[in-house]
Amino acid sequence: MFTLSRRTVRAYLVGTADTEPTYLRARDIADDPDASPKAVAQYLSQLQDDLADVSLEQWGRSKSTTWRLGVSES
């Protein structure tokens, strides 16, 4: 059984970040049947200010929040 954790979401974000922005939603990360998009969304909100090399910001809302992911400019 797969258990989604903050560490798993963080690793996904760091591994996915690129020089070009990527737009994603929680349900894109929660593709495993045991992972809840709601839990992923909570982790994304928590990690928004926690990531050093990756920028993560809420980009837009419709039915669900879209997040903009990229490499931080340092």
C-alpha atoms as a PDB file:
ATOM      1  CA  MET A   1       0.000   0.000   0.000  1.00  0.00           C
ATOM      2  CA  PHE A   2       1.278   3.445  -0.979  1.00  0.00           C
ATOM      3  CA  THR A   3       1.325   6.111   1.718  1.00  0.00           C
ATOM      4  CA  LEU A   4       1.543   9.677   0.507  1.00  0.00           C
ATOM      5  CA  SER A   5       3.815  11.867   2.589  1.00  0.00           C
ATOM      6  CA  ARG A   6       5.055  15.420   2.533  1.00  0.00           C
ATOM      7  CA  ARG A   7       8.499  14.043   1.676  1.00  0.00           C
ATOM      8  CA  THR A   8       7.062  12.220  -1.362  1.00  0.00           C
ATOM      9  CA  VAL A   9       5.377  15.391  -2.657  1.00  0.00           C
ATOM     10  CA  ARG A  10       8.538  17.414  -2.038  1.00  0.00           C
ATOM     11  CA  ALA A  11      10.660  14.878  -3.958  1.00  0.00           C
ATOM     12  CA  TYR A  12       8.173  14.969  -6.833  1.00  0.00           C
ATOM     13  CA  LEU A  13       8.340  18.769  -7.020  1.00  0.00           C
ATOM     14  CA  VAL A  14      12.140  18.904  -6.895  1.00  0.00           C
ATOM     15  CA  GLY A  15      12.396  16.160  -9.521  1.00  0.00           C
ATOM     16  CA  THR A  16       9.864  17.827 -11.824  1.00  0.00           C
ATOM     17  CA  ALA A  17      11.073  21.434 -11.608  1.00  0.00           C
ATOM     18  CA  ASP A  18      12.712  22.738 -14.758  1.00  0.00           C
ATOM     19  CA  THR A  19      13.969  26.072 -16.048  1.00  0.00           C
ATOM     20  CA  GLU A  20      10.674  26.450 -17.900  1.00  0.00           C
ATOM     21  CA  PRO A  21       7.618  26.763 -15.634  1.00  0.00           C
ATOM     22  CA  THR A  22       5.403  23.724 -15.250  1.00  0.00           C
ATOM     23  CA  TYR A  23       1.742  24.027 -14.361  1.00  0.00           C
ATOM     24  CA  LEU A  24       0.176  21.245 -12.332  1.00  0.00           C
ATOM     25  CA  ARG A  25      -2.715  20.358 -10.096  1.00  0.00           C
ATOM     26  CA  ALA A  26      -2.852  18.186  -7.011  1.00  0.00           C
ATOM     27  CA  ARG A  27      -4.675  15.465  -8.912  1.00  0.00           C
ATOM     28  CA  ASP A  28      -1.730  15.275 -11.361  1.00  0.00           C
ATOM     29  CA  ILE A  29       0.562  14.309  -8.484  1.00  0.00           C
ATOM     30  CA  ALA A  30      -2.001  12.036  -6.828  1.00  0.00           C
ATOM     31  CA  ASP A  31      -2.149   9.604  -9.728  1.00  0.00           C
ATOM     32  CA  ASP A  32      -1.810   6.628  -7.382  1.00  0.00           C
ATOM     33  CA  PRO A  33      -5.207   5.190  -6.353  1.00  0.00           C
ATOM     34  CA  ASP A  34      -4.313   5.483  -2.658  1.00  0.00           C
ATOM     35  CA  ALA A  35      -3.213   9.119  -2.884  1.00  0.00           C
ATOM     36  CA  SER A  36      -5.803  11.798  -2.286  1.00  0.00           C
ATOM     37  CA  PRO A  37      -5.676  15.048  -4.303  1.00  0.00           C
ATOM     38  CA  LYS A  38      -6.923  16.814  -1.179  1.00  0.00           C
ATOM     39  CA  ALA A  39      -3.922  15.561   0.828  1.00  0.00           C
ATOM     40  CA  VAL A  40      -1.549  16.590  -1.979  1.00  0.00           C
ATOM     41  CA  ALA A  41      -3.125  20.072  -2.064  1.00  0.00           C
ATOM     42  CA  GLN A  42      -2.488  20.447   1.666  1.00  0.00           C
ATOM     43  CA  TYR A  43       1.150  19.461   1.218  1.00  0.00           C
ATOM     44  CA  LEU A  44       1.537  21.886  -1.703  1.00  0.00           C
ATOM     45  CA  SER A  45       0.251  24.730   0.464  1.00  0.00           C
ATOM     46  CA  GLN A  46       2.658  23.783   3.252  1.00  0.00           C
ATOM     47  CA  LEU A  47       5.637  23.393   0.927  1.00  0.00           C
ATOM     48  CA  GLN A  48       5.036  26.662  -0.911  1.00  0.00           C
ATOM     49  CA  ASP A  49       7.377  28.603   1.405  1.00  0.00           C
ATOM     50  CA  ASP A  50       9.582  25.640   2.361  1.00  0.00           C
ATOM     51  CA  LEU A  51      11.362  24.914  -0.904  1.00  0.00           C
ATOM     52  CA  ALA A  52      14.767  26.528  -1.430  1.00  0.00           C
ATOM     53  CA  ASP A  53      15.693  25.676  -5.020  1.00  0.00           C
ATOM     54  CA  VAL A  54      12.170  25.365  -6.380  1.00  0.00           C
ATOM     55  CA  SER A  55       9.529  28.058  -6.712  1.00  0.00           C
ATOM     56  CA  LEU A  56       5.941  27.021  -6.153  1.00  0.00           C
ATOM     57  CA  GLU A  57       3.046  29.443  -6.314  1.00  0.00           C
ATOM     58  CA  GLN A  58      -0.702  29.289  -6.643  1.00  0.00           C
ATOM     59  CA  TRP A  59      -1.395  30.311 -10.188  1.00  0.00           C
ATOM     60  CA  GLY A  60      -5.105  30.056 -10.782  1.00  0.00           C
ATOM     61  CA  ARG A  61      -8.344  28.596  -9.558  1.00  0.00           C
ATOM     62  CA  SER A  62     -11.239  27.075 -11.367  1.00  0.00           C
ATOM     63  CA  LYS A  63     -12.482  23.704 -10.182  1.00  0.00           C
ATOM     64  CA  SER A  64      -9.130  23.146  -8.501  1.00  0.00           C
ATOM     65  CA  THR A  65      -6.025  25.198  -7.868  1.00  0.00           C
ATOM     66  CA  THR A  66      -3.324  25.272 -10.513  1.00  0.00           C
ATOM     67  CA  TRP A  67       0.234  25.560  -9.243  1.00  0.00           C
ATOM     68  CA  ARG A  68       3.178  27.069 -11.114  1.00  0.00           C
ATOM     69  CA  LEU A  69       6.407  25.164 -10.517  1.00  0.00           C
ATOM     70  CA  GLY A  70       9.855  26.300 -11.597  1.00  0.00           C
ATOM     71  CA  VAL A  71      13.470  26.636 -10.536  1.00  0.00           C
ATOM     72  CA  SER A  72      14.064  29.493  -8.101  1.00  0.00           C
ATOM     73  CA  GLU A  73      16.146  32.384  -9.305  1.00  0.00           C
ATOM     74  CA  SER A  74      18.890  32.768  -6.713  1.00  0.00           C
END
